[in-house]
Amino acid sequence: MKATEIRELSNQEILERIDNEKTTLVRMKLNHAITPLDNPNKLSEMRRTIARLMTELSQREMNDKQNS
């Protein structure tokens, strides 16, 4: 997921995506421990996506505080 796509989401959608991505990452880690994934780089991509979502959310919170 690209940063431009993330910026278009609402705060609630970002929170939902974070929850979904985290649960998917946990499942992928467990599956990878049992049988190796075809592409283990997907784990890194998932972590980066979660980080991008969390960064956008925190930036919005900071902007809200500064504008208040």
N, C-alpha and C. Protein backbone atom coordinates (compact mmCIF):
# COMPACT_ATOMS: atom_id res chain seq x y z
N MET A 1 0.85 -1.17 0.00
CA MET A 1 0.00 0.00 0.00
C MET A 1 0.89 1.23 0.00
N LYS A 2 0.60 2.14 -0.90
CA LYS A 2 1.42 3.34 -1.04
C LYS A 2 0.91 4.45 -0.13
N ALA A 3 1.78 5.41 0.13
CA ALA A 3 1.45 6.51 1.02
C ALA A 3 0.28 7.33 0.49
N THR A 4 0.20 7.50 -0.84
CA THR A 4 -0.91 8.26 -1.40
C THR A 4 -2.24 7.57 -1.15
N GLU A 5 -2.26 6.25 -1.21
CA GLU A 5 -3.48 5.50 -0.93
C GLU A 5 -3.86 5.63 0.54
N ILE A 6 -2.88 5.64 1.41
CA ILE A 6 -3.13 5.73 2.85
C ILE A 6 -3.71 7.10 3.19
N ARG A 7 -3.21 8.15 2.55
CA ARG A 7 -3.68 9.51 2.85
C ARG A 7 -5.15 9.69 2.50
N GLU A 8 -5.63 8.91 1.56
CA GLU A 8 -7.03 9.02 1.14
C GLU A 8 -7.99 8.37 2.13
N LEU A 9 -7.48 7.54 3.04
CA LEU A 9 -8.32 6.83 3.99
C LEU A 9 -8.69 7.72 5.17
N SER A 10 -9.82 7.41 5.79
CA SER A 10 -10.21 8.13 7.01
C SER A 10 -9.48 7.50 8.20
N ASN A 11 -9.54 8.17 9.34
CA ASN A 11 -8.88 7.65 10.53
C ASN A 11 -9.43 6.28 10.93
N GLN A 12 -10.74 6.13 10.85
CA GLN A 12 -11.36 4.86 11.21
C GLN A 12 -10.91 3.75 10.26
N GLU A 13 -10.82 4.05 8.98
CA GLU A 13 -10.36 3.05 8.01
C GLU A 13 -8.91 2.66 8.27
N ILE A 14 -8.10 3.63 8.65
CA ILE A 14 -6.70 3.33 8.95
C ILE A 14 -6.60 2.41 10.16
N LEU A 15 -7.39 2.69 11.20
CA LEU A 15 -7.38 1.83 12.38
C LEU A 15 -7.80 0.41 12.03
N GLU A 16 -8.83 0.28 11.20
CA GLU A 16 -9.29 -1.05 10.79
C GLU A 16 -8.21 -1.77 9.98
N ARG A 17 -7.55 -1.04 9.10
CA ARG A 17 -6.49 -1.65 8.30
C ARG A 17 -5.33 -2.12 9.18
N ILE A 18 -4.98 -1.31 10.18
CA ILE A 18 -3.90 -1.69 11.09
C ILE A 18 -4.24 -3.00 11.79
N ASP A 19 -5.47 -3.10 12.30
CA ASP A 19 -5.89 -4.33 12.97
C ASP A 19 -5.84 -5.53 12.02
N ASN A 20 -6.36 -5.34 10.82
CA ASN A 20 -6.36 -6.43 9.84
C ASN A 20 -4.95 -6.85 9.46
N GLU A 21 -4.10 -5.88 9.22
CA GLU A 21 -2.72 -6.17 8.82
C GLU A 21 -1.96 -6.88 9.94
N LYS A 22 -2.19 -6.47 11.18
CA LYS A 22 -1.51 -7.10 12.31
C LYS A 22 -1.94 -8.56 12.47
N THR A 23 -3.23 -8.82 12.35
CA THR A 23 -3.69 -10.21 12.47
C THR A 23 -3.17 -11.06 11.32
N THR A 24 -3.14 -10.49 10.13
CA THR A 24 -2.60 -11.21 8.98
C THR A 24 -1.12 -11.50 9.17
N LEU A 25 -0.39 -10.53 9.70
CA LEU A 25 1.04 -10.72 9.93
C LEU A 25 1.29 -11.84 10.94
N VAL A 26 0.51 -11.89 12.00
CA VAL A 26 0.67 -12.94 13.01
C VAL A 26 0.42 -14.31 12.37
N ARG A 27 -0.64 -14.40 11.56
CA ARG A 27 -0.94 -15.67 10.89
C ARG A 27 0.18 -16.08 9.95
N MET A 28 0.70 -15.10 9.21
CA MET A 28 1.78 -15.40 8.27
C MET A 28 3.03 -15.87 9.01
N LYS A 29 3.32 -15.25 10.15
CA LYS A 29 4.49 -15.67 10.93
C LYS A 29 4.33 -17.10 11.42
N LEU A 30 3.13 -17.43 11.91
CA LEU A 30 2.89 -18.79 12.38
C LEU A 30 2.99 -19.79 11.24
N ASN A 31 2.39 -19.46 10.11
CA ASN A 31 2.48 -20.35 8.95
C ASN A 31 3.91 -20.50 8.48
N HIS A 32 4.66 -19.43 8.53
CA HIS A 32 6.06 -19.47 8.10
C HIS A 32 6.91 -20.33 9.04
N ALA A 33 6.55 -20.35 10.31
CA ALA A 33 7.29 -21.18 11.27
C ALA A 33 7.05 -22.67 11.00
N ILE A 34 5.84 -22.99 10.55
CA ILE A 34 5.50 -24.39 10.29
C ILE A 34 6.02 -24.82 8.92
N THR A 35 5.61 -24.11 7.90
CA THR A 35 6.08 -24.38 6.54
C THR A 35 6.53 -23.06 5.94
N PRO A 36 7.73 -23.00 5.42
CA PRO A 36 8.26 -21.75 4.88
C PRO A 36 7.36 -21.17 3.79
N LEU A 37 7.22 -19.86 3.81
CA LEU A 37 6.44 -19.17 2.79
C LEU A 37 7.19 -19.19 1.46
N ASP A 38 6.43 -19.09 0.37
CA ASP A 38 7.06 -19.02 -0.94
C ASP A 38 7.90 -17.76 -1.06
N ASN A 39 7.39 -16.68 -0.51
CA ASN A 39 8.09 -15.40 -0.57
C ASN A 39 8.16 -14.81 0.84
N PRO A 40 9.23 -15.07 1.58
CA PRO A 40 9.32 -14.55 2.96
C PRO A 40 9.45 -13.03 3.02
N ASN A 41 9.71 -12.39 1.89
CA ASN A 41 9.76 -10.92 1.89
C ASN A 41 8.40 -10.30 2.15
N LYS A 42 7.34 -11.07 2.02
CA LYS A 42 6.00 -10.56 2.30
C LYS A 42 5.87 -10.17 3.77
N LEU A 43 6.61 -10.84 4.66
CA LEU A 43 6.59 -10.47 6.07
C LEU A 43 7.12 -9.04 6.25
N SER A 44 8.21 -8.74 5.57
CA SER A 44 8.78 -7.39 5.66
C SER A 44 7.83 -6.36 5.06
N GLU A 45 7.19 -6.72 3.96
CA GLU A 45 6.24 -5.80 3.33
C GLU A 45 5.08 -5.50 4.26
N MET A 46 4.60 -6.53 4.96
CA MET A 46 3.48 -6.34 5.89
C MET A 46 3.89 -5.41 7.03
N ARG A 47 5.08 -5.62 7.58
CA ARG A 47 5.56 -4.76 8.66
C ARG A 47 5.67 -3.31 8.19
N ARG A 48 6.18 -3.12 6.99
CA ARG A 48 6.32 -1.76 6.45
C ARG A 48 4.96 -1.11 6.23
N THR A 49 4.00 -1.88 5.76
CA THR A 49 2.66 -1.35 5.55
C THR A 49 2.05 -0.91 6.87
N ILE A 50 2.21 -1.74 7.90
CA ILE A 50 1.71 -1.38 9.24
C ILE A 50 2.38 -0.10 9.72
N ALA A 51 3.68 0.00 9.51
CA ALA A 51 4.42 1.19 9.94
C ALA A 51 3.93 2.43 9.19
N ARG A 52 3.66 2.29 7.89
CA ARG A 52 3.16 3.43 7.12
C ARG A 52 1.80 3.89 7.65
N LEU A 53 0.93 2.92 7.94
CA LEU A 53 -0.39 3.25 8.47
C LEU A 53 -0.29 3.95 9.81
N MET A 54 0.55 3.43 10.68
CA MET A 54 0.71 4.02 12.01
C MET A 54 1.34 5.41 11.92
N THR A 55 2.26 5.59 11.00
CA THR A 55 2.90 6.89 10.83
C THR A 55 1.89 7.93 10.37
N GLU A 56 1.06 7.57 9.40
CA GLU A 56 0.04 8.50 8.91
C GLU A 56 -0.94 8.86 10.03
N LEU A 57 -1.33 7.88 10.81
CA LEU A 57 -2.25 8.12 11.91
C LEU A 57 -1.64 9.06 12.95
N SER A 58 -0.39 8.83 13.30
CA SER A 58 0.26 9.70 14.30
C SER A 58 0.47 11.11 13.75
N GLN A 59 0.77 11.24 12.45
CA GLN A 59 0.91 12.57 11.87
C GLN A 59 -0.40 13.33 11.91
N ARG A 60 -1.50 12.63 11.65
CA ARG A 60 -2.80 13.28 11.70
C ARG A 60 -3.12 13.73 13.13
N GLU A 61 -2.78 12.91 14.11
CA GLU A 61 -3.02 13.28 15.50
C GLU A 61 -2.19 14.51 15.89
N MET A 62 -0.96 14.53 15.43
CA MET A 62 -0.10 15.69 15.73
C MET A 62 -0.65 16.95 15.08
N ASN A 63 -1.12 16.84 13.85
CA ASN A 63 -1.69 18.00 13.18
C ASN A 63 -2.95 18.49 13.88
N ASP A 64 -3.75 17.55 14.37
CA ASP A 64 -4.97 17.92 15.10
C ASP A 64 -4.62 18.67 16.38
N LYS A 65 -3.59 18.22 17.08
CA LYS A 65 -3.17 18.89 18.32
C LYS A 65 -2.64 20.29 18.04
N GLN A 66 -1.88 20.43 16.95
CA GLN A 66 -1.30 21.72 16.63
C GLN A 66 -2.38 22.71 16.17
N ASN A 67 -3.39 22.20 15.51
CA ASN A 67 -4.45 23.09 15.00
C ASN A 67 -5.45 23.47 16.10
N SER A 68 -5.44 22.76 17.20
CA SER A 68 -6.39 23.06 18.28
C SER A 68 -5.95 24.22 19.12
